[in-house]
Amino acid sequence: MVPSMPVGPVLAWFDENERDLPWRRDEATAWHILISEFMLQQTPVARVLVPWREWVARWPTPADMAAASGADVLRAWGKLGYPRRAQRLHACARAIADEHGNIVPDDVEVLLGLPGIGEYTARAIACFAYGLPVPVVDTNVRRVIARACHGLADAPRPRRSDLDDAAALAPRTDDGGFATTAPRFSAALMELGALVCTARNPRCRQCPIVESCAWVAAGRPVLDGPPKRTQRYEGTDRQVRGRLLDVLRETHGPVERARLDQAWTVDPGQRARALDSLLVDGLVEVTDEGLFRLGG
């Protein structure tokens, strides 16, 4: 069944409730928007605002970042988490500077060929940076569509039909083409999922499409199946990797192994495993003198 949703109320709600995020402003370039998309992967907006402003001021173009060392990029990434994103963003900057004339491509397929850019990010850049009517689907959009159109408590695992659903909902012209408001509608769906149709405690009374929502009409049934597992952080290898990187970010020269050993004393075996993984990922390097430093 082809999903349907009233477009007008969603756009009107977005006009009143759109957050004033800096990467949405007219002065934000495609490169600035690309940086925001990398930073926002698995990271809340509130934690991204300050680092994003610092990065676009320090590296306003891909070539500016491409000229920086990998260590400088990792150090600037700070505590945003998942530091391989910084590594991939640096590689992406170099590819754009070297292969695309320092201009972020606007074609989804070309964007997919850049380091660190997957299906969602490629479509988000094409849509939000260049205003192209390509469907953009993140977790928030999938949840809104699952509830409003399919009557589900939450979205199932990502599938190719998610893009078909999003494309079917986008506003159209009389001849069947995408309307000029299609990119804004994509942003509106994302915002609706982030602010109103949230995973926990959705604010249905504030929803502009509550009267046509299939989930509400069905009595807001609970999730069918086991609850989604919450990702644990405390005590994981991710936490240990972060502690080791903290030591190297806060030091401007190579450090001895003993300095790293002090960063995590709970489990020496886990610490060694985390350090090995950082070396394999290229986030940490060993100097000829046997000291440790940030990679790149």
C-alpha atoms as a PDB file:
ATOM      1  CA  MET A   1       0.000   0.000   0.000  1.00  0.00           C
ATOM      2  CA  VAL A   2       1.328   3.438  -0.951  1.00  0.00           C
ATOM      3  CA  PRO A   3       1.599   5.564   2.214  1.00  0.00           C
ATOM      4  CA  SER A   4      -0.064   8.953   2.431  1.00  0.00           C
ATOM      5  CA  MET A   5       0.261  11.933   4.735  1.00  0.00           C
ATOM      6  CA  PRO A   6      -1.155  15.484   4.710  1.00  0.00           C
ATOM      7  CA  VAL A   7       1.726  17.663   3.520  1.00  0.00           C
ATOM      8  CA  GLY A   8       0.332  21.103   4.344  1.00  0.00           C
ATOM      9  CA  PRO A   9       0.024  20.656   8.128  1.00  0.00           C
ATOM     10  CA  VAL A  10       3.547  19.227   8.351  1.00  0.00           C
ATOM     11  CA  LEU A  11       5.066  22.167   6.466  1.00  0.00           C
ATOM     12  CA  ALA A  12       3.002  24.689   8.447  1.00  0.00           C
ATOM     13  CA  TRP A  13       4.154  23.086  11.713  1.00  0.00           C
ATOM     14  CA  PHE A  14       7.767  23.249  10.540  1.00  0.00           C
ATOM     15  CA  ASP A  15       7.405  26.928   9.668  1.00  0.00           C
ATOM     16  CA  GLU A  16       6.470  27.583  13.305  1.00  0.00           C
ATOM     17  CA  ASN A  17       8.765  25.106  15.075  1.00  0.00           C
ATOM     18  CA  GLU A  18      11.947  24.738  13.016  1.00  0.00           C
ATOM     19  CA  ARG A  19      15.016  24.959  15.234  1.00  0.00           C
ATOM     20  CA  ASP A  20      17.465  27.715  14.374  1.00  0.00           C
ATOM     21  CA  LEU A  21      20.444  25.456  13.701  1.00  0.00           C
ATOM     22  CA  PRO A  22      23.496  27.183  12.190  1.00  0.00           C
ATOM     23  CA  TRP A  23      23.943  24.671   9.380  1.00  0.00           C
ATOM     24  CA  ARG A  24      20.402  25.483   8.218  1.00  0.00           C
ATOM     25  CA  ARG A  25      21.141  29.166   7.714  1.00  0.00           C
ATOM     26  CA  ASP A  26      21.635  30.672   4.260  1.00  0.00           C
ATOM     27  CA  GLU A  27      25.333  31.367   4.863  1.00  0.00           C
ATOM     28  CA  ALA A  28      26.107  27.689   5.505  1.00  0.00           C
ATOM     29  CA  THR A  29      27.888  26.157   2.527  1.00  0.00           C
ATOM     30  CA  ALA A  30      27.586  22.594   1.287  1.00  0.00           C
ATOM     31  CA  TRP A  31      30.901  21.874   3.013  1.00  0.00           C
ATOM     32  CA  HIS A  32      29.583  23.231   6.307  1.00  0.00           C
ATOM     33  CA  ILE A  33      26.477  21.067   5.964  1.00  0.00           C
ATOM     34  CA  LEU A  34      28.644  18.037   5.183  1.00  0.00           C
ATOM     35  CA  ILE A  35      30.615  18.643   8.398  1.00  0.00           C
ATOM     36  CA  SER A  36      27.372  18.818  10.376  1.00  0.00           C
ATOM     37  CA  GLU A  37      26.160  15.524   8.928  1.00  0.00           C
ATOM     38  CA  PHE A  38      29.383  13.762   9.940  1.00  0.00           C
ATOM     39  CA  MET A  39      29.205  15.228  13.450  1.00  0.00           C
ATOM     40  CA  LEU A  40      25.519  14.440  13.943  1.00  0.00           C
ATOM     41  CA  GLN A  41      25.945  10.722  13.317  1.00  0.00           C
ATOM     42  CA  GLN A  42      24.989   9.107  16.646  1.00  0.00           C
ATOM     43  CA  THR A  43      25.561  12.420  18.457  1.00  0.00           C
ATOM     44  CA  PRO A  44      22.881  14.811  19.826  1.00  0.00           C
ATOM     45  CA  VAL A  45      22.537  18.267  18.291  1.00  0.00           C
ATOM     46  CA  ALA A  46      23.416  20.013  21.567  1.00  0.00           C
ATOM     47  CA  ARG A  47      26.868  18.403  21.634  1.00  0.00           C
ATOM     48  CA  VAL A  48      27.591  19.338  18.016  1.00  0.00           C
ATOM     49  CA  LEU A  49      26.806  23.077  18.054  1.00  0.00           C
ATOM     50  CA  VAL A  50      30.057  24.361  19.586  1.00  0.00           C
ATOM     51  CA  PRO A  51      32.480  21.998  17.778  1.00  0.00           C
ATOM     52  CA  TRP A  52      30.732  22.668  14.445  1.00  0.00           C
ATOM     53  CA  ARG A  53      31.195  26.435  14.803  1.00  0.00           C
ATOM     54  CA  GLU A  54      34.855  25.935  15.705  1.00  0.00           C
ATOM     55  CA  TRP A  55      35.458  23.636  12.743  1.00  0.00           C
ATOM     56  CA  VAL A  56      33.846  25.811  10.073  1.00  0.00           C
ATOM     57  CA  ALA A  57      35.801  28.805  11.371  1.00  0.00           C
ATOM     58  CA  ARG A  58      39.071  26.875  11.385  1.00  0.00           C
ATOM     59  CA  TRP A  59      38.511  24.925   8.158  1.00  0.00           C
ATOM     60  CA  PRO A  60      36.011  26.897   6.029  1.00  0.00           C
ATOM     61  CA  THR A  61      36.726  24.842   2.889  1.00  0.00           C
ATOM     62  CA  PRO A  62      37.686  21.226   2.198  1.00  0.00           C
ATOM     63  CA  ALA A  63      41.167  22.329   1.128  1.00  0.00           C
ATOM     64  CA  ASP A  64      41.720  23.993   4.504  1.00  0.00           C
ATOM     65  CA  MET A  65      41.010  20.756   6.316  1.00  0.00           C
ATOM     66  CA  ALA A  66      42.923  18.696   3.761  1.00  0.00           C
ATOM     67  CA  ALA A  67      46.037  20.731   4.578  1.00  0.00           C
ATOM     68  CA  ALA A  68      45.764  19.926   8.285  1.00  0.00           C
ATOM     69  CA  SER A  69      47.431  16.926   9.876  1.00  0.00           C
ATOM     70  CA  GLY A  70      45.379  13.952  10.949  1.00  0.00           C
ATOM     71  CA  ALA A  71      46.518  14.539  14.522  1.00  0.00           C
ATOM     72  CA  ASP A  72      45.183  18.110  14.458  1.00  0.00           C
ATOM     73  CA  VAL A  73      41.821  16.890  13.170  1.00  0.00           C
ATOM     74  CA  LEU A  74      41.591  14.180  15.841  1.00  0.00           C
ATOM     75  CA  ARG A  75      42.555  16.657  18.539  1.00  0.00           C
ATOM     76  CA  ALA A  76      39.867  19.096  17.368  1.00  0.00           C
ATOM     77  CA  TRP A  77      37.275  16.307  17.343  1.00  0.00           C
ATOM     78  CA  GLY A  78      37.559  16.213  21.122  1.00  0.00           C
ATOM     79  CA  LYS A  79      34.864  14.208  22.897  1.00  0.00           C
ATOM     80  CA  LEU A  80      32.310  13.977  20.087  1.00  0.00           C
ATOM     81  CA  GLY A  81      32.754  10.211  20.135  1.00  0.00           C
ATOM     82  CA  TYR A  82      33.382   7.655  17.414  1.00  0.00           C
ATOM     83  CA  PRO A  83      36.678   9.348  16.401  1.00  0.00           C
ATOM     84  CA  ARG A  84      36.938   7.365  13.176  1.00  0.00           C
ATOM     85  CA  ARG A  85      34.330   9.811  11.886  1.00  0.00           C
ATOM     86  CA  ALA A  86      36.960  12.552  12.177  1.00  0.00           C
ATOM     87  CA  GLN A  87      39.429  10.374  10.315  1.00  0.00           C
ATOM     88  CA  ARG A  88      36.946   9.741   7.510  1.00  0.00           C
ATOM     89  CA  LEU A  89      35.927  13.398   7.348  1.00  0.00           C
ATOM     90  CA  HIS A  90      39.576  14.340   6.918  1.00  0.00           C
ATOM     91  CA  ALA A  91      39.910  11.806   4.088  1.00  0.00           C
ATOM     92  CA  CYS A  92      36.685  13.157   2.571  1.00  0.00           C
ATOM     93  CA  ALA A  93      38.082  16.707   2.646  1.00  0.00           C
ATOM     94  CA  ARG A  94      41.191  15.565   0.810  1.00  0.00           C
ATOM     95  CA  ALA A  95      39.157  13.787  -1.840  1.00  0.00           C
ATOM     96  CA  ILE A  96      36.942  16.832  -2.420  1.00  0.00           C
ATOM     97  CA  ALA A  97      39.933  19.161  -2.591  1.00  0.00           C
ATOM     98  CA  ASP A  98      41.970  16.911  -4.878  1.00  0.00           C
ATOM     99  CA  GLU A  99      39.315  15.337  -7.103  1.00  0.00           C
ATOM    100  CA  HIS A 100      36.386  17.772  -7.144  1.00  0.00           C
ATOM    101  CA  GLY A 101      37.954  21.217  -7.326  1.00  0.00           C
ATOM    102  CA  ASN A 102      37.310  21.932  -3.638  1.00  0.00           C
ATOM    103  CA  ILE A 103      33.546  21.807  -4.247  1.00  0.00           C
ATOM    104  CA  VAL A 104      31.247  19.306  -2.531  1.00  0.00           C
ATOM    105  CA  PRO A 105      29.473  17.294  -5.273  1.00  0.00           C
ATOM    106  CA  ASP A 106      25.698  17.534  -5.564  1.00  0.00           C
ATOM    107  CA  ASP A 107      25.119  14.108  -7.128  1.00  0.00           C
ATOM    108  CA  VAL A 108      24.159  11.267  -4.778  1.00  0.00           C
ATOM    109  CA  GLU A 109      26.153   8.625  -6.649  1.00  0.00           C
ATOM    110  CA  VAL A 110      29.260  10.818  -6.733  1.00  0.00           C
ATOM    111  CA  LEU A 111      28.871  11.610  -3.049  1.00  0.00           C
ATOM    112  CA  LEU A 112      28.667   7.901  -2.271  1.00  0.00           C
ATOM    113  CA  GLY A 113      32.143   7.517  -3.736  1.00  0.00           C
ATOM    114  CA  LEU A 114      33.650   9.836  -1.119  1.00  0.00           C
ATOM    115  CA  PRO A 115      35.250   8.464   2.089  1.00  0.00           C
ATOM    116  CA  GLY A 116      32.885   8.154   5.027  1.00  0.00           C
ATOM    117  CA  ILE A 117      29.707   8.983   3.101  1.00  0.00           C
ATOM    118  CA  GLY A 118      26.905   6.454   3.117  1.00  0.00           C
ATOM    119  CA  GLU A 119      23.401   6.396   1.718  1.00  0.00           C
ATOM    120  CA  TYR A 120      21.833   8.720   4.277  1.00  0.00           C
ATOM    121  CA  THR A 121      24.643  11.303   4.284  1.00  0.00           C
ATOM    122  CA  ALA A 122      24.816  11.459   0.492  1.00  0.00           C
ATOM    123  CA  ARG A 123      21.097  12.106   0.241  1.00  0.00           C
ATOM    124  CA  ALA A 124      21.111  14.610   3.104  1.00  0.00           C
ATOM    125  CA  ILE A 125      23.825  16.677   1.419  1.00  0.00           C
ATOM    126  CA  ALA A 126      22.089  16.601  -1.962  1.00  0.00           C
ATOM    127  CA  CYS A 127      18.775  17.575  -0.356  1.00  0.00           C
ATOM    128  CA  PHE A 128      19.744  20.067   2.350  1.00  0.00           C
ATOM    129  CA  ALA A 129      22.800  21.654   0.726  1.00  0.00           C
ATOM    130  CA  TYR A 130      21.581  21.756  -2.869  1.00  0.00           C
ATOM    131  CA  GLY A 131      17.805  21.592  -2.533  1.00  0.00           C
ATOM    132  CA  LEU A 132      17.461  18.458  -4.651  1.00  0.00           C
ATOM    133  CA  PRO A 133      14.222  16.467  -4.222  1.00  0.00           C
ATOM    134  CA  VAL A 134      15.800  13.191  -3.137  1.00  0.00           C
ATOM    135  CA  PRO A 135      14.196  11.279  -0.246  1.00  0.00           C
ATOM    136  CA  VAL A 136      16.164  11.483   2.992  1.00  0.00           C
ATOM    137  CA  VAL A 137      15.507   8.860   5.660  1.00  0.00           C
ATOM    138  CA  ASP A 138      17.002   8.781   9.137  1.00  0.00           C
ATOM    139  CA  THR A 139      15.757   7.134  12.334  1.00  0.00           C
ATOM    140  CA  ASN A 140      13.354   9.991  13.041  1.00  0.00           C
ATOM    141  CA  VAL A 141      11.803   9.898   9.575  1.00  0.00           C
ATOM    142  CA  ARG A 142      11.414   6.138   9.679  1.00  0.00           C
ATOM    143  CA  ARG A 143       9.630   6.360  13.031  1.00  0.00           C
ATOM    144  CA  VAL A 144       7.212   9.075  11.835  1.00  0.00           C
ATOM    145  CA  ILE A 145       6.340   7.064   8.725  1.00  0.00           C
ATOM    146  CA  ALA A 146       5.994   3.811  10.684  1.00  0.00           C
ATOM    147  CA  ARG A 147       3.509   5.388  13.083  1.00  0.00           C
ATOM    148  CA  ALA A 148       1.603   7.836  10.897  1.00  0.00           C
ATOM    149  CA  CYS A 149       1.317   5.622   7.809  1.00  0.00           C
ATOM    150  CA  HIS A 150       1.634   2.025   8.990  1.00  0.00           C
ATOM    151  CA  GLY A 151       0.251   2.125  12.540  1.00  0.00           C
ATOM    152  CA  LEU A 152       3.418   0.682  14.092  1.00  0.00           C
ATOM    153  CA  ALA A 153       4.845   1.716  17.466  1.00  0.00           C
ATOM    154  CA  ASP A 154       8.288   2.055  15.946  1.00  0.00           C
ATOM    155  CA  ALA A 155      10.044   1.442  12.672  1.00  0.00           C
ATOM    156  CA  PRO A 156      11.394  -2.013  11.852  1.00  0.00           C
ATOM    157  CA  ARG A 157      14.993  -2.397  10.776  1.00  0.00           C
ATOM    158  CA  PRO A 158      16.075  -0.159   7.879  1.00  0.00           C
ATOM    159  CA  ARG A 159      15.005  -1.457   4.482  1.00  0.00           C
ATOM    160  CA  ARG A 160      15.047  -0.245   0.904  1.00  0.00           C
ATOM    161  CA  SER A 161      11.314   0.418   0.959  1.00  0.00           C
ATOM    162  CA  ASP A 162      11.942   3.232   3.475  1.00  0.00           C
ATOM    163  CA  LEU A 163      13.172   5.402   0.588  1.00  0.00           C
ATOM    164  CA  ASP A 164      10.140   4.450  -1.490  1.00  0.00           C
ATOM    165  CA  ASP A 165       7.830   5.452   1.359  1.00  0.00           C
ATOM    166  CA  ALA A 166       9.576   8.805   1.814  1.00  0.00           C
ATOM    167  CA  ALA A 167       9.466   9.499  -1.918  1.00  0.00           C
ATOM    168  CA  ALA A 168       5.756   8.646  -2.047  1.00  0.00           C
ATOM    169  CA  LEU A 169       4.994  11.150   0.721  1.00  0.00           C
ATOM    170  CA  ALA A 170       6.946  14.055  -0.798  1.00  0.00           C
ATOM    171  CA  PRO A 171       4.825  16.897  -2.206  1.00  0.00           C
ATOM    172  CA  ARG A 172       4.238  16.715  -5.960  1.00  0.00           C
ATOM    173  CA  THR A 173       3.290  19.016  -8.784  1.00  0.00           C
ATOM    174  CA  ASP A 174       0.202  18.483 -10.930  1.00  0.00           C
ATOM    175  CA  ASP A 175       2.264  16.617 -13.520  1.00  0.00           C
ATOM    176  CA  GLY A 176       3.619  14.179 -10.918  1.00  0.00           C
ATOM    177  CA  GLY A 177       7.077  15.668 -10.433  1.00  0.00           C
ATOM    178  CA  PHE A 178       8.507  16.697  -7.088  1.00  0.00           C
ATOM    179  CA  ALA A 179       7.373  20.093  -5.860  1.00  0.00           C
ATOM    180  CA  THR A 180       9.894  22.755  -4.871  1.00  0.00           C
ATOM    181  CA  THR A 181       8.867  22.174  -1.246  1.00  0.00           C
ATOM    182  CA  ALA A 182       9.998  18.532  -1.322  1.00  0.00           C
ATOM    183  CA  PRO A 183      13.421  19.190   0.309  1.00  0.00           C
ATOM    184  CA  ARG A 184      11.790  21.265   3.044  1.00  0.00           C
ATOM    185  CA  PHE A 185       9.246  18.513   3.633  1.00  0.00           C
ATOM    186  CA  SER A 186      12.132  16.068   4.175  1.00  0.00           C
ATOM    187  CA  ALA A 187      13.588  18.387   6.810  1.00  0.00           C
ATOM    188  CA  ALA A 188      10.141  18.829   8.379  1.00  0.00           C
ATOM    189  CA  LEU A 189       9.608  15.075   8.777  1.00  0.00           C
ATOM    190  CA  MET A 190      13.011  14.782  10.418  1.00  0.00           C
ATOM    191  CA  GLU A 191      12.229  17.634  12.803  1.00  0.00           C
ATOM    192  CA  LEU A 192       8.811  16.184  13.628  1.00  0.00           C
ATOM    193  CA  GLY A 193      10.456  12.921  14.661  1.00  0.00           C
ATOM    194  CA  ALA A 194      13.119  14.703  16.691  1.00  0.00           C
ATOM    195  CA  LEU A 195      10.799  17.039  18.593  1.00  0.00           C
ATOM    196  CA  VAL A 196       7.308  15.510  18.688  1.00  0.00           C
ATOM    197  CA  CYS A 197       7.120  11.931  17.433  1.00  0.00           C
ATOM    198  CA  THR A 198       9.967  10.852  19.693  1.00  0.00           C
ATOM    199  CA  ALA A 199      10.900   7.269  20.471  1.00  0.00           C
ATOM    200  CA  ARG A 200       9.883   7.675  24.107  1.00  0.00           C
ATOM    201  CA  ASN A 201       6.957   9.764  25.314  1.00  0.00           C
ATOM    202  CA  PRO A 202       5.744  11.080  21.940  1.00  0.00           C
ATOM    203  CA  ARG A 203       3.837  14.363  22.257  1.00  0.00           C
ATOM    204  CA  CYS A 204       0.856  13.407  20.122  1.00  0.00           C
ATOM    205  CA  ARG A 205      -1.224  16.392  21.239  1.00  0.00           C
ATOM    206  CA  GLN A 206       1.339  18.674  19.606  1.00  0.00           C
ATOM    207  CA  CYS A 207       1.474  16.685  16.378  1.00  0.00           C
ATOM    208  CA  PRO A 208       0.099  18.424  13.266  1.00  0.00           C
ATOM    209  CA  ILE A 209      -1.074  15.127  11.762  1.00  0.00           C
ATOM    210  CA  VAL A 210      -2.483  13.429  14.854  1.00  0.00           C
ATOM    211  CA  GLU A 211      -5.960  13.222  13.329  1.00  0.00           C
ATOM    212  CA  SER A 212      -4.696  11.139  10.402  1.00  0.00           C
ATOM    213  CA  CYS A 213      -2.088   9.096  12.309  1.00  0.00           C
ATOM    214  CA  ALA A 214      -2.654   5.358  11.872  1.00  0.00           C
ATOM    215  CA  TRP A 215      -0.885   4.561  15.143  1.00  0.00           C
ATOM    216  CA  VAL A 216      -3.098   6.899  17.156  1.00  0.00           C
ATOM    217  CA  ALA A 217      -6.198   5.582  15.373  1.00  0.00           C
ATOM    218  CA  ALA A 218      -5.182   2.046  16.372  1.00  0.00           C
ATOM    219  CA  GLY A 219      -4.969   3.053  20.034  1.00  0.00           C
ATOM    220  CA  ARG A 220      -1.186   3.570  20.104  1.00  0.00           C
ATOM    221  CA  PRO A 221      -0.316  -0.149  20.321  1.00  0.00           C
ATOM    222  CA  VAL A 222       2.926  -0.982  22.082  1.00  0.00           C
ATOM    223  CA  LEU A 223       5.969  -2.310  20.287  1.00  0.00           C
ATOM    224  CA  ASP A 224       5.450  -5.874  19.108  1.00  0.00           C
ATOM    225  CA  GLY A 225       8.524  -7.912  19.968  1.00  0.00           C
ATOM    226  CA  PRO A 226      11.526  -7.503  22.256  1.00  0.00           C
ATOM    227  CA  PRO A 227      12.437  -3.919  23.216  1.00  0.00           C
ATOM    228  CA  LYS A 228      15.369  -2.302  21.473  1.00  0.00           C
ATOM    229  CA  ARG A 229      18.594  -2.772  23.345  1.00  0.00           C
ATOM    230  CA  THR A 230      20.189   0.342  24.785  1.00  0.00           C
ATOM    231  CA  GLN A 231      23.820   0.645  23.831  1.00  0.00           C
ATOM    232  CA  ARG A 232      26.025   0.451  26.907  1.00  0.00           C
ATOM    233  CA  TYR A 233      29.107   2.683  27.206  1.00  0.00           C
ATOM    234  CA  GLU A 234      30.488   2.381  30.744  1.00  0.00           C
ATOM    235  CA  GLY A 235      33.200  -0.254  30.939  1.00  0.00           C
ATOM    236  CA  THR A 236      33.233  -0.987  27.215  1.00  0.00           C
ATOM    237  CA  ASP A 237      36.229  -0.969  24.877  1.00  0.00           C
ATOM    238  CA  ARG A 238      34.774   2.250  23.445  1.00  0.00           C
ATOM    239  CA  GLN A 239      35.209   3.942  26.810  1.00  0.00           C
ATOM    240  CA  VAL A 240      38.772   2.656  27.146  1.00  0.00           C
ATOM    241  CA  ARG A 241      39.634   3.862  23.627  1.00  0.00           C
ATOM    242  CA  GLY A 242      38.257   7.261  24.554  1.00  0.00           C
ATOM    243  CA  ARG A 243      40.385   7.435  27.706  1.00  0.00           C
ATOM    244  CA  LEU A 244      43.535   6.580  25.752  1.00  0.00           C
ATOM    245  CA  LEU A 245      42.757   9.168  23.079  1.00  0.00           C
ATOM    246  CA  ASP A 246      42.107  11.775  25.779  1.00  0.00           C
ATOM    247  CA  VAL A 247      45.692  11.375  26.980  1.00  0.00           C
ATOM    248  CA  LEU A 248      47.071  11.869  23.479  1.00  0.00           C
ATOM    249  CA  ARG A 249      44.760  14.791  22.628  1.00  0.00           C
ATOM    250  CA  GLU A 250      45.796  16.650  25.763  1.00  0.00           C
ATOM    251  CA  THR A 251      49.506  16.187  25.000  1.00  0.00           C
ATOM    252  CA  HIS A 252      51.219  17.912  22.087  1.00  0.00           C
ATOM    253  CA  GLY A 253      54.063  15.423  21.836  1.00  0.00           C
ATOM    254  CA  PRO A 254      54.442  11.619  21.887  1.00  0.00           C
ATOM    255  CA  VAL A 255      53.979   9.893  25.243  1.00  0.00           C
ATOM    256  CA  GLU A 256      55.408   6.802  26.856  1.00  0.00           C
ATOM    257  CA  ARG A 257      53.357   3.635  27.270  1.00  0.00           C
ATOM    258  CA  ALA A 258      53.270   4.242  31.026  1.00  0.00           C
ATOM    259  CA  ARG A 259      51.184   7.397  30.505  1.00  0.00           C
ATOM    260  CA  LEU A 260      48.605   5.381  28.592  1.00  0.00           C
ATOM    261  CA  ASP A 261      48.643   2.617  31.191  1.00  0.00           C
ATOM    262  CA  GLN A 262      47.529   5.151  33.816  1.00  0.00           C
ATOM    263  CA  ALA A 263      44.445   6.052  31.763  1.00  0.00           C
ATOM    264  CA  TRP A 264      42.744   2.710  32.462  1.00  0.00           C
ATOM    265  CA  THR A 265      43.878   0.540  35.362  1.00  0.00           C
ATOM    266  CA  VAL A 266      40.702  -1.499  35.785  1.00  0.00           C
ATOM    267  CA  ASP A 267      41.624  -4.192  33.260  1.00  0.00           C
ATOM    268  CA  PRO A 268      45.116  -4.180  31.705  1.00  0.00           C
ATOM    269  CA  GLY A 269      44.052  -6.778  29.136  1.00  0.00           C
ATOM    270  CA  GLN A 270      41.160  -4.621  27.983  1.00  0.00           C
ATOM    271  CA  ARG A 271      43.463  -1.593  27.840  1.00  0.00           C
ATOM    272  CA  ALA A 272      45.933  -3.463  25.657  1.00  0.00           C
ATOM    273  CA  ARG A 273      43.123  -4.636  23.371  1.00  0.00           C
ATOM    274  CA  ALA A 274      41.776  -1.098  23.051  1.00  0.00           C
ATOM    275  CA  LEU A 275      45.219   0.293  22.256  1.00  0.00           C
ATOM    276  CA  ASP A 276      45.795  -2.384  19.622  1.00  0.00           C
ATOM    277  CA  SER A 277      42.489  -1.487  17.967  1.00  0.00           C
ATOM    278  CA  LEU A 278      43.445   2.202  17.906  1.00  0.00           C
ATOM    279  CA  LEU A 279      46.722   1.297  16.229  1.00  0.00           C
ATOM    280  CA  VAL A 280      44.942  -0.861  13.657  1.00  0.00           C
ATOM    281  CA  ASP A 281      42.472   1.961  12.917  1.00  0.00           C
ATOM    282  CA  GLY A 282      45.317   4.427  12.447  1.00  0.00           C
ATOM    283  CA  LEU A 283      44.031   6.668  15.219  1.00  0.00           C
ATOM    284  CA  VAL A 284      47.264   6.113  17.173  1.00  0.00           C
ATOM    285  CA  GLU A 285      50.808   5.673  15.864  1.00  0.00           C
ATOM    286  CA  VAL A 286      54.064   4.432  17.365  1.00  0.00           C
ATOM    287  CA  THR A 287      57.164   6.542  16.761  1.00  0.00           C
ATOM    288  CA  ASP A 288      60.602   5.128  15.945  1.00  0.00           C
ATOM    289  CA  GLU A 289      61.456   5.696  19.594  1.00  0.00           C
ATOM    290  CA  GLY A 290      58.561   3.500  20.739  1.00  0.00           C
ATOM    291  CA  LEU A 291      56.393   6.400  21.914  1.00  0.00           C
ATOM    292  CA  PHE A 292      52.700   6.878  21.153  1.00  0.00           C
ATOM    293  CA  ARG A 293      50.981   9.796  19.399  1.00  0.00           C
ATOM    294  CA  LEU A 294      47.781  10.619  17.546  1.00  0.00           C
ATOM    295  CA  GLY A 295      47.647   9.150  14.055  1.00  0.00           C
ATOM    296  CA  GLY A 296      47.981  11.157  10.873  1.00  0.00           C
END
